[in-house]
Amino acid sequence: MAVIRRGRQFLIIRRAAEVAAPGMLCFPGGGIEPGETEEKALVRELLEELGVGGRPRRRLWRRMTPWGVDLAWWLVELDSNRPIVPNPAEVAECLWLTETELEQREDLLESNRRFLAAWRNGEIDLP
């Protein structure tokens, strides 16, 4: 997952109707293809989902979901010279939301809610 900040806001996507967990909010990102590192997968996913480049800076947190999916959240810096253009096959919309706004959303994926709780509890060093 790409953790991208602008001031106090996070870049969040609403998943398209055609993908898993349709309509839910989450950080951008996706699966790792064979032979990819986490960093390369993030760069590819940002291009596929948002049409924008990014530079993974460091892994912030890693957790296994109750259903056995290994997830990692990375601090990512977006390329500033390219606009975000969501791919409608994967992303219904992009939102910039604060931690408080995210926590109030019932449509936030639980794994992302756990990331925010870990950050709030000091388990994650996020500048």
Protein backbone atom coordinates (compact mmCIF):
# COMPACT_ATOMS: atom_id res chain seq x y z
CA MET A 1 0.00 0.00 0.00
CA ALA A 2 1.27 3.47 -0.89
CA VAL A 3 1.02 5.97 1.97
CA ILE A 4 1.08 9.34 0.23
CA ARG A 5 0.60 12.52 2.23
CA ARG A 6 -0.12 16.12 1.42
CA GLY A 7 0.11 18.01 4.68
CA ARG A 8 -2.22 16.19 7.09
CA GLN A 9 -4.16 14.46 4.30
CA PHE A 10 -3.66 10.99 2.83
CA LEU A 11 -4.31 10.02 -0.78
CA ILE A 12 -7.07 7.41 -0.70
CA ILE A 13 -8.79 5.60 -3.54
CA ARG A 14 -12.31 4.23 -3.85
CA ARG A 15 -12.08 0.83 -5.49
CA ALA A 16 -13.89 0.40 -8.81
CA ALA A 17 -16.95 -1.83 -9.12
CA GLU A 18 -15.00 -4.46 -11.10
CA VAL A 19 -12.29 -5.20 -8.50
CA ALA A 20 -12.27 -7.01 -5.15
CA ALA A 21 -13.97 -5.06 -2.34
CA PRO A 22 -15.77 -2.74 -4.77
CA GLY A 23 -16.61 0.75 -3.53
CA MET A 24 -14.37 0.48 -0.49
CA LEU A 25 -11.76 3.09 0.44
CA CYS A 26 -8.09 2.18 0.80
CA PHE A 27 -4.56 3.34 0.19
CA PRO A 28 -3.43 2.82 -3.43
CA GLY A 29 -1.55 -0.36 -4.21
CA GLY A 30 -1.95 -3.96 -5.16
CA GLY A 31 -0.37 -7.34 -5.56
CA ILE A 32 3.21 -8.25 -6.31
CA GLU A 33 3.81 -10.02 -9.61
CA PRO A 34 6.40 -12.82 -9.93
CA GLY A 35 9.93 -11.42 -9.86
CA GLU A 36 8.90 -8.02 -8.47
CA THR A 37 10.11 -6.41 -5.28
CA GLU A 38 7.62 -4.55 -3.09
CA GLU A 39 9.08 -1.28 -4.36
CA LYS A 40 8.72 -2.21 -8.04
CA ALA A 41 5.16 -3.42 -7.45
CA LEU A 42 4.25 -0.09 -5.84
CA VAL A 43 5.67 1.89 -8.76
CA ARG A 44 3.77 -0.32 -11.24
CA GLU A 45 0.51 -0.16 -9.28
CA LEU A 46 0.66 3.65 -9.02
CA LEU A 47 1.09 3.88 -12.78
CA GLU A 48 -1.73 1.37 -13.41
CA GLU A 49 -4.19 2.81 -10.88
CA LEU A 50 -3.41 6.53 -10.96
CA GLY A 51 -1.26 7.17 -14.04
CA VAL A 52 1.44 8.71 -11.88
CA GLY A 53 4.98 7.82 -10.89
CA GLY A 54 6.15 7.53 -7.34
CA ARG A 55 9.25 6.79 -5.29
CA PRO A 56 8.92 4.33 -2.41
CA ARG A 57 10.94 5.73 0.51
CA ARG A 58 10.62 3.07 3.22
CA ARG A 59 8.35 0.36 4.50
CA LEU A 60 6.26 1.66 7.39
CA TRP A 61 4.36 -1.43 8.53
CA ARG A 62 3.63 -5.02 7.56
CA ARG A 63 0.77 -7.24 8.71
CA MET A 64 -0.90 -10.49 7.71
CA THR A 65 -4.67 -10.30 7.29
CA PRO A 66 -6.88 -12.86 9.05
CA TRP A 67 -7.47 -14.44 5.61
CA GLY A 68 -3.72 -14.89 4.97
CA VAL A 69 -2.77 -11.92 2.77
CA ASP A 70 0.62 -10.34 3.56
CA LEU A 71 0.24 -6.54 3.34
CA ALA A 72 2.91 -3.84 3.52
CA TRP A 73 2.45 -0.08 3.76
CA TRP A 74 5.19 2.09 2.24
CA LEU A 75 5.84 5.80 2.51
CA VAL A 76 5.77 7.00 -1.10
CA GLU A 77 6.61 10.34 -2.68
CA LEU A 78 4.62 11.15 -5.82
CA ASP A 79 6.17 12.64 -8.93
CA SER A 80 4.97 16.22 -8.66
CA ASN A 81 4.99 16.98 -12.37
CA ARG A 82 2.25 14.50 -13.34
CA PRO A 83 -1.43 14.86 -12.51
CA ILE A 84 -3.29 11.98 -10.90
CA VAL A 85 -5.53 10.34 -13.51
CA PRO A 86 -7.48 7.41 -12.02
CA ASN A 87 -7.87 4.29 -14.18
CA PRO A 88 -11.67 3.74 -14.09
CA ALA A 89 -11.20 -0.04 -14.37
CA GLU A 90 -9.50 -0.02 -10.96
CA VAL A 91 -10.29 3.28 -9.22
CA ALA A 92 -13.71 4.94 -8.95
CA GLU A 93 -12.31 8.11 -7.36
CA CYS A 94 -9.39 9.64 -5.48
CA LEU A 95 -9.80 11.51 -2.22
CA TRP A 96 -7.48 13.46 0.07
CA LEU A 97 -8.61 12.75 3.64
CA THR A 98 -7.20 13.35 7.11
CA GLU A 99 -6.76 10.57 9.66
CA THR A 100 -9.89 11.74 11.48
CA GLU A 101 -11.94 11.79 8.27
CA LEU A 102 -10.72 8.30 7.38
CA GLU A 103 -11.53 6.85 10.79
CA GLN A 104 -15.09 8.16 10.50
CA ARG A 105 -15.67 6.40 7.17
CA GLU A 106 -17.59 3.13 7.34
CA ASP A 107 -16.37 2.27 3.83
CA LEU A 108 -12.65 2.15 4.82
CA LEU A 109 -11.12 -1.31 4.45
CA GLU A 110 -10.41 -2.83 7.86
CA SER A 111 -6.72 -3.42 7.10
CA ASN A 112 -6.27 0.31 6.50
CA ARG A 113 -8.18 1.12 9.69
CA ARG A 114 -5.67 -1.09 11.55
CA PHE A 115 -2.77 0.78 9.94
CA LEU A 116 -4.19 4.10 11.20
CA ALA A 117 -4.69 2.66 14.70
CA ALA A 118 -1.08 1.40 14.77
CA TRP A 119 0.13 4.86 13.70
CA ARG A 120 -1.99 6.54 16.36
CA ASN A 121 -0.62 4.10 18.99
CA GLY A 122 3.00 4.91 18.06
CA GLU A 123 3.79 1.60 16.34
CA ILE A 124 4.53 3.39 13.06
CA ASP A 125 6.98 6.23 12.54
CA LEU A 126 5.20 8.39 9.97
CA PRO A 127 6.52 11.93 9.59
